[in-house]
């Protein structure tokens, strides 16, 4: 009905969707050869952040459990990967799974307070988890490398060394696509529907027979699993891990990516992660151009300014655009009556998923 009202047929819409998907796939596959090393580096970083943001959106966006310890779970996955890689020589694909599993166990343990508290109190409890994990890494002696961290051997897959950004890019791309597929299908299952029910009203969900403790623990485990896999990717990509890489600022970064992209939206996780990854780079470029005129070094300003921008963007989007950038993109192209690649991909990814009201459980 709406297609005919807009002057487009279902066949034409389907054709446009297929064309956009082919163009997006071609762009992703050709990017390592079309872009320079810096572009590929940013693409890999975006991929890592997409996987991590998907995990936090499962815990916070869909299950409604506010978490400020997500960077800590990335740290668990990253350090697990480096320690096992250096001491056992396991293949990198195996390390990804082990890192996700270890992080999910840690996430379950630190998610136990969600059984009794929620909202701001749960956020404070997860904040304690963040500091506990980083404290353990800083004081782990030779096992964790202390403040200096650890250096990882070059990861390999089937004997093939992932020793460049271009080779590692395809590993990141494969993991991102798999994470998107898993997340999309998760919310077509009983588990995903239970998460949404708990987010909307946990007491009602319990009345209908949903065991809150089980599903809240599962939400933390799944979110932490994604974080652990992202941490493993980050460790393999950077090949150096330190506690400073997983500070509270990084947890706020991922929360900002969820809010800015769209709470409870898979496509929003992608948009938010990419936007929050590229935003500091754009800010740095602007400051570097301005430093010759204003007489300061951009590096001395970007650190504290980045934290201010993250906080301001969270507040701004909660007030002005609570459904995030992905909804703003959809609205904009709906008014233009044009199927954009972002709109087409978003509709394909988020199809048949429940719409979030951004409520906290």
Protein backbone atom coordinates (compact mmCIF):
# COMPACT_ATOMS: atom_id res chain seq x y z
CA UNK A 1 0.00 0.00 0.00
CA UNK A 2 2.65 2.50 1.06
CA UNK A 3 4.82 1.58 -1.91
CA UNK A 4 2.01 2.47 -4.34
CA UNK A 5 1.29 5.70 -2.47
CA UNK A 6 4.92 6.71 -2.84
CA UNK A 7 4.79 5.96 -6.55
CA UNK A 8 7.05 2.90 -6.34
CA UNK A 9 6.19 -0.74 -6.91
CA UNK A 10 7.22 -3.65 -4.65
CA UNK A 11 9.28 -5.07 -7.51
CA UNK A 12 11.16 -1.79 -7.91
CA UNK A 13 11.77 -1.60 -4.16
CA UNK A 14 13.10 -5.16 -4.10
CA UNK A 15 15.36 -4.45 -7.05
CA UNK A 16 16.70 -1.31 -5.35
CA UNK A 17 17.40 -3.30 -2.19
CA UNK A 18 19.32 -5.95 -4.13
CA UNK A 19 21.33 -3.30 -5.98
CA UNK A 20 22.26 -1.48 -2.79
CA UNK A 21 23.29 -4.73 -1.11
CA UNK A 22 25.55 -5.60 -4.06
CA UNK A 23 27.11 -2.14 -4.02
CA UNK A 24 27.69 -2.25 -0.25
CA UNK A 25 29.20 -5.75 -0.48
CA UNK A 26 31.48 -4.68 -3.33
CA UNK A 27 32.61 -1.58 -1.42
CA UNK A 28 33.41 -3.63 1.69
CA UNK A 29 35.38 -6.23 -0.26
CA UNK A 30 37.32 -3.68 -2.32
CA UNK A 31 38.01 -1.23 0.52
CA UNK A 32 41.50 -2.63 1.39
CA UNK A 33 42.64 -1.89 -2.18
CA UNK A 34 40.71 1.35 -2.67
CA UNK A 35 41.82 2.95 0.60
CA UNK A 36 45.26 3.64 2.08
CA UNK A 37 46.62 2.07 5.28
CA UNK A 38 44.99 4.72 7.47
CA UNK A 39 41.55 4.08 5.96
CA UNK A 40 41.93 0.32 6.43
CA UNK A 41 43.10 0.92 10.01
CA UNK A 42 39.96 2.95 10.75
CA UNK A 43 37.79 0.32 9.03
CA UNK A 44 39.23 -2.41 11.28
CA UNK A 45 38.71 -0.22 14.33
CA UNK A 46 35.10 0.43 13.28
CA UNK A 47 34.56 -3.30 12.93
CA UNK A 48 35.87 -4.01 16.44
CA UNK A 49 33.64 -1.30 17.87
CA UNK A 50 30.60 -2.60 15.97
CA UNK A 51 30.96 -6.04 17.56
CA UNK A 52 31.40 -4.51 21.02
CA UNK A 53 28.46 -2.11 20.56
CA UNK A 54 26.21 -4.96 19.43
CA UNK A 55 26.98 -6.72 22.70
CA UNK A 56 26.18 -3.70 24.83
CA UNK A 57 22.98 -3.06 22.86
CA UNK A 58 21.85 -6.60 23.67
CA UNK A 59 22.43 -6.04 27.39
CA UNK A 60 21.28 -2.42 27.64
CA UNK A 61 19.14 -1.76 24.57
CA UNK A 62 17.13 -4.97 24.43
CA UNK A 63 17.28 -6.35 27.99
CA UNK A 64 17.25 -2.89 29.59
CA UNK A 65 20.20 -3.60 31.92
CA UNK A 66 22.42 -0.52 32.14
CA UNK A 67 26.09 -1.48 32.13
CA UNK A 68 29.18 0.66 32.59
CA UNK A 69 31.63 -2.26 32.63
CA UNK A 70 31.68 -3.11 28.93
CA UNK A 71 35.28 -2.01 28.41
CA UNK A 72 36.25 -4.26 31.30
CA UNK A 73 34.78 -7.25 29.47
CA UNK A 74 36.74 -6.25 26.37
CA UNK A 75 39.85 -6.23 28.55
CA UNK A 76 39.12 -9.76 29.74
CA UNK A 77 38.82 -10.96 26.14
CA UNK A 78 41.92 -9.09 25.02
CA UNK A 79 44.17 -10.30 27.85
CA UNK A 80 42.85 -13.86 27.51
CA UNK A 81 43.78 -13.80 23.84
CA UNK A 82 47.30 -12.47 24.40
CA UNK A 83 48.11 -14.79 27.29
CA UNK A 84 46.87 -17.91 25.50
CA UNK A 85 48.44 -16.90 22.20
CA UNK A 86 51.86 -16.36 23.77
CA UNK A 87 51.78 -19.52 25.89
CA UNK A 88 49.82 -22.07 23.85
CA UNK A 89 50.03 -20.96 20.23
CA UNK A 90 46.33 -21.64 19.62
CA UNK A 91 44.89 -20.52 16.25
CA UNK A 92 43.35 -17.09 16.30
CA UNK A 93 39.83 -18.35 15.50
CA UNK A 94 39.96 -20.60 18.55
CA UNK A 95 41.23 -17.69 20.64
CA UNK A 96 38.21 -15.61 19.56
CA UNK A 97 35.81 -18.23 20.94
CA UNK A 98 37.79 -18.80 24.15
CA UNK A 99 38.05 -15.06 24.78
CA UNK A 100 34.29 -14.68 24.31
CA UNK A 101 33.59 -17.60 26.65
CA UNK A 102 35.89 -16.31 29.43
CA UNK A 103 34.41 -12.81 29.13
CA UNK A 104 30.87 -14.24 29.28
CA UNK A 105 31.68 -16.06 32.54
CA UNK A 106 33.08 -12.85 34.03
CA UNK A 107 30.05 -10.95 32.74
CA UNK A 108 27.72 -13.43 34.40
CA UNK A 109 29.52 -13.05 37.75
CA UNK A 110 29.42 -9.27 37.67
CA UNK A 111 25.85 -9.37 36.40
CA UNK A 112 24.64 -11.03 39.60
CA UNK A 113 23.65 -7.65 41.16
CA UNK A 114 21.03 -7.29 38.39
CA UNK A 115 18.97 -9.92 40.21
CA UNK A 116 18.39 -7.50 43.09
CA UNK A 117 18.94 -3.96 41.78
CA UNK A 118 18.20 -2.04 38.60
CA UNK A 119 18.49 1.39 37.04
CA UNK A 120 21.09 3.68 38.58
CA UNK A 121 21.95 1.16 41.29
CA UNK A 122 22.80 -1.46 38.67
CA UNK A 123 24.92 1.10 36.82
CA UNK A 124 26.91 1.74 40.02
CA UNK A 125 27.36 -2.02 40.53
CA UNK A 126 28.69 -2.47 36.99
CA UNK A 127 30.91 0.57 37.50
CA UNK A 128 32.49 -1.29 40.42
CA UNK A 129 33.05 -4.24 38.09
CA UNK A 130 34.85 -1.99 35.62
CA UNK A 131 37.26 -0.72 38.28
CA UNK A 132 37.76 -4.21 39.74
CA UNK A 133 38.78 -5.70 36.40
CA UNK A 134 41.19 -2.89 35.57
CA UNK A 135 42.66 -3.00 39.11
CA UNK A 136 43.29 -6.75 38.73
CA UNK A 137 45.03 -6.19 35.39
CA UNK A 138 47.23 -3.42 36.77
CA UNK A 139 48.32 -5.53 39.75
CA UNK A 140 48.57 -8.90 38.04
CA UNK A 141 52.36 -8.89 38.01
CA UNK A 142 54.09 -10.73 35.18
CA UNK A 143 50.87 -12.57 34.34
CA UNK A 144 49.16 -9.42 33.05
CA UNK A 145 52.24 -7.23 32.59
CA UNK A 146 51.07 -4.54 35.04
CA UNK A 147 50.72 -1.01 33.70
CA UNK A 148 52.96 -1.85 30.77
CA UNK A 149 50.61 -4.53 29.51
CA UNK A 150 51.51 -7.42 27.19
CA UNK A 151 52.72 -7.81 23.63
CA UNK A 152 51.07 -10.45 21.44
CA UNK A 153 52.63 -12.64 18.81
CA UNK A 154 51.43 -12.19 15.24
CA UNK A 155 48.11 -14.09 15.04
CA UNK A 156 47.69 -16.81 12.44
CA UNK A 157 44.80 -18.61 10.76
CA UNK A 158 45.57 -21.97 9.12
CA UNK A 159 49.24 -21.03 9.06
CA UNK A 160 48.55 -17.69 7.38
CA UNK A 161 50.00 -14.76 9.33
CA UNK A 162 47.72 -11.77 9.92
CA UNK A 163 50.62 -9.35 9.83
CA UNK A 164 49.03 -6.36 8.09
CA UNK A 165 45.93 -4.21 8.38
CA UNK A 166 44.68 -5.42 5.00
CA UNK A 167 44.83 -9.11 5.90
CA UNK A 168 43.32 -8.53 9.32
CA UNK A 169 40.51 -6.47 7.79
CA UNK A 170 38.87 -9.54 6.26
CA UNK A 171 38.90 -11.33 9.62
CA UNK A 172 37.21 -8.34 11.23
CA UNK A 173 34.69 -8.11 8.38
CA UNK A 174 33.79 -11.81 8.70
CA UNK A 175 33.31 -11.52 12.47
CA UNK A 176 31.17 -8.39 12.09
CA UNK A 177 28.88 -10.06 9.55
CA UNK A 178 28.59 -13.16 11.74
CA UNK A 179 27.83 -11.02 14.80
CA UNK A 180 25.12 -9.15 12.89
CA UNK A 181 23.56 -12.41 11.70
CA UNK A 182 23.60 -13.92 15.20
CA UNK A 183 22.12 -10.81 16.79
CA UNK A 184 19.36 -10.51 14.20
CA UNK A 185 18.32 -14.12 14.66
CA UNK A 186 18.64 -13.98 18.45
CA UNK A 187 15.65 -11.65 18.69
CA UNK A 188 13.50 -14.01 16.69
CA UNK A 189 13.91 -16.62 19.41
CA UNK A 190 12.32 -17.07 22.81
CA UNK A 191 15.45 -15.65 24.45
CA UNK A 192 15.29 -12.39 22.51
CA UNK A 193 11.58 -11.93 23.17
CA UNK A 194 12.20 -12.57 26.87
CA UNK A 195 14.86 -9.83 26.90
CA UNK A 196 12.40 -7.33 25.43
CA UNK A 197 9.69 -8.38 27.91
CA UNK A 198 12.08 -7.85 30.82
CA UNK A 199 13.06 -4.44 29.47
CA UNK A 200 9.47 -3.28 29.10
CA UNK A 201 8.23 -4.49 32.50
CA UNK A 202 10.11 -7.10 34.47
CA UNK A 203 7.33 -7.80 36.99
CA UNK A 204 4.88 -8.58 34.20
CA UNK A 205 7.46 -10.78 32.50
CA UNK A 206 7.88 -12.75 35.72
CA UNK A 207 4.11 -13.20 36.02
CA UNK A 208 4.10 -14.71 32.53
CA UNK A 209 6.66 -17.29 33.61
CA UNK A 210 9.94 -15.71 32.49
CA UNK A 211 12.66 -16.47 35.11
CA UNK A 212 14.20 -13.03 35.59
CA UNK A 213 17.44 -14.20 37.18
CA UNK A 214 18.17 -16.64 34.37
CA UNK A 215 17.50 -14.22 31.53
CA UNK A 216 19.24 -11.26 33.17
CA UNK A 217 22.34 -13.40 33.67
CA UNK A 218 22.04 -14.55 30.07
CA UNK A 219 21.80 -10.96 28.84
CA UNK A 220 25.04 -10.09 30.62
CA UNK A 221 26.69 -13.26 29.36
CA UNK A 222 25.78 -12.68 25.71
CA UNK A 223 26.76 -9.01 25.85
CA UNK A 224 30.05 -9.89 27.53
CA UNK A 225 30.68 -12.65 24.97
CA UNK A 226 30.48 -10.10 22.16
CA UNK A 227 32.74 -7.80 24.17
CA UNK A 228 35.25 -10.60 24.69
CA UNK A 229 35.33 -11.37 20.96
CA UNK A 230 35.79 -7.65 20.24
CA UNK A 231 38.61 -7.55 22.78
CA UNK A 232 40.26 -10.52 21.09
CA UNK A 233 40.00 -8.75 17.73
CA UNK A 234 41.48 -5.60 19.24
CA UNK A 235 44.36 -7.55 20.74
CA UNK A 236 45.10 -9.32 17.46
CA UNK A 237 44.85 -6.06 15.56
CA UNK A 238 46.94 -3.85 17.86
CA UNK A 239 49.13 -6.71 19.20
CA UNK A 240 49.63 -4.70 22.41
CA UNK A 241 47.21 -4.57 25.34
CA UNK A 242 47.43 -2.28 28.37
CA UNK A 243 44.93 -1.41 31.13
CA UNK A 244 44.70 2.15 29.81
CA UNK A 245 43.08 0.88 26.59
CA UNK A 246 40.03 -0.27 28.58
CA UNK A 247 39.36 2.64 30.91
CA UNK A 248 35.98 3.94 32.05
CA UNK A 249 36.10 6.39 29.16
CA UNK A 250 35.90 3.42 26.78
CA UNK A 251 32.83 2.07 28.58
CA UNK A 252 31.23 5.50 28.19
CA UNK A 253 32.28 5.42 24.53
CA UNK A 254 30.30 2.22 23.91
CA UNK A 255 27.30 3.51 25.84
CA UNK A 256 27.42 6.66 23.73
CA UNK A 257 27.59 4.54 20.56
CA UNK A 258 24.42 2.69 21.63
CA UNK A 259 22.53 5.89 22.46
CA UNK A 260 23.74 7.86 19.45
CA UNK A 261 23.11 5.03 16.99
CA UNK A 262 19.77 3.93 18.41
CA UNK A 263 18.92 2.02 21.58
CA UNK A 264 17.50 -1.40 20.75
CA UNK A 265 18.46 -1.23 17.07
CA UNK A 266 20.99 -3.52 15.41
CA UNK A 267 21.50 -1.12 12.51
CA UNK A 268 21.78 1.64 15.12
CA UNK A 269 24.69 -0.23 16.71
CA UNK A 270 26.51 -0.17 13.38
CA UNK A 271 25.80 3.50 12.73
CA UNK A 272 26.62 4.51 16.31
CA UNK A 273 29.89 2.58 16.42
CA UNK A 274 31.08 3.97 13.10
CA UNK A 275 30.04 7.51 14.00
CA UNK A 276 31.71 7.42 17.44
CA UNK A 277 34.89 5.92 15.94
CA UNK A 278 35.23 8.52 13.21
CA UNK A 279 34.06 11.51 15.26
CA UNK A 280 37.32 11.87 17.30
CA UNK A 281 39.32 11.58 14.07
CA UNK A 282 37.27 14.35 12.50
CA UNK A 283 37.63 16.42 15.67
CA UNK A 284 41.40 15.92 15.60
CA UNK A 285 41.56 17.01 11.95
CA UNK A 286 39.60 20.18 12.75
CA UNK A 287 41.83 21.00 15.72
CA UNK A 288 44.99 20.41 13.72
CA UNK A 289 43.80 22.93 11.15
CA UNK A 290 42.92 25.40 13.88
CA UNK A 291 46.10 25.02 15.93
CA UNK A 292 48.18 27.18 13.60
CA UNK A 293 45.72 30.02 14.10
CA UNK A 294 45.05 29.59 17.83
CA UNK A 295 48.52 28.54 18.91
CA UNK A 296 47.93 25.24 20.76
CA UNK A 297 48.68 21.58 20.17
CA UNK A 298 45.69 19.52 19.10
CA UNK A 299 46.90 16.46 21.03
CA UNK A 300 46.73 18.33 24.37
CA UNK A 301 43.10 19.25 23.75
CA UNK A 302 41.60 16.18 22.08
CA UNK A 303 41.80 13.96 25.21
CA UNK A 304 39.63 15.96 27.63
CA UNK A 305 37.48 17.35 24.80
CA UNK A 306 36.66 13.81 23.63
CA UNK A 307 35.20 12.93 27.04
CA UNK A 308 33.17 16.15 27.09
CA UNK A 309 31.85 15.46 23.59
CA UNK A 310 30.87 11.88 24.52
CA UNK A 311 28.85 13.08 27.51
CA UNK A 312 27.26 15.94 25.60
CA UNK A 313 26.24 13.64 22.75
CA UNK A 314 24.60 11.13 25.11
CA UNK A 315 22.54 13.87 26.76
CA UNK A 316 21.79 15.58 23.47
CA UNK A 317 20.54 12.47 21.70
CA UNK A 318 18.48 11.35 24.71
CA UNK A 319 16.70 14.71 24.69
CA UNK A 320 16.55 15.60 20.99
CA UNK A 321 16.62 12.25 19.19
CA UNK A 322 15.95 9.37 21.62
CA UNK A 323 15.75 6.82 18.81
CA UNK A 324 19.22 7.73 17.58
CA UNK A 325 20.86 8.50 14.27
CA UNK A 326 19.38 5.49 12.51
CA UNK A 327 15.85 6.80 13.01
CA UNK A 328 16.89 10.28 11.86
CA UNK A 329 18.39 8.75 8.69
CA UNK A 330 15.23 6.76 8.00
CA UNK A 331 13.05 9.84 8.50
CA UNK A 332 15.21 12.00 6.28
CA UNK A 333 15.17 9.60 3.34
CA UNK A 334 11.48 8.86 3.83
CA UNK A 335 10.80 12.57 3.30
CA UNK A 336 12.98 12.53 0.19
CA UNK A 337 11.17 9.40 -1.01
CA UNK A 338 14.54 7.84 -1.85
CA UNK A 339 15.95 4.47 -0.79
CA UNK A 340 19.40 5.18 0.55
CA UNK A 341 22.01 2.48 1.21
CA UNK A 342 21.80 3.28 4.94
CA UNK A 343 18.01 3.09 4.96
CA UNK A 344 17.92 -0.11 2.89
CA UNK A 345 20.57 -1.82 5.01
CA UNK A 346 18.92 -0.68 8.24
CA UNK A 347 15.55 -2.02 7.19
CA UNK A 348 17.14 -5.31 6.16
CA UNK A 349 19.04 -5.72 9.42
CA UNK A 350 16.30 -4.59 11.78
CA UNK A 351 13.43 -6.34 9.96
CA UNK A 352 10.92 -8.01 12.27
CA UNK A 353 12.73 -6.84 15.40
CA UNK A 354 10.87 -5.24 18.31
CA UNK A 355 11.04 -1.48 18.54
CA UNK A 356 12.78 -0.13 21.62
CA UNK A 357 11.23 2.38 23.96
CA UNK A 358 14.63 2.87 25.60
CA UNK A 359 13.34 1.86 29.01
CA UNK A 360 15.64 0.60 31.69
CA UNK A 361 14.77 -2.45 33.69
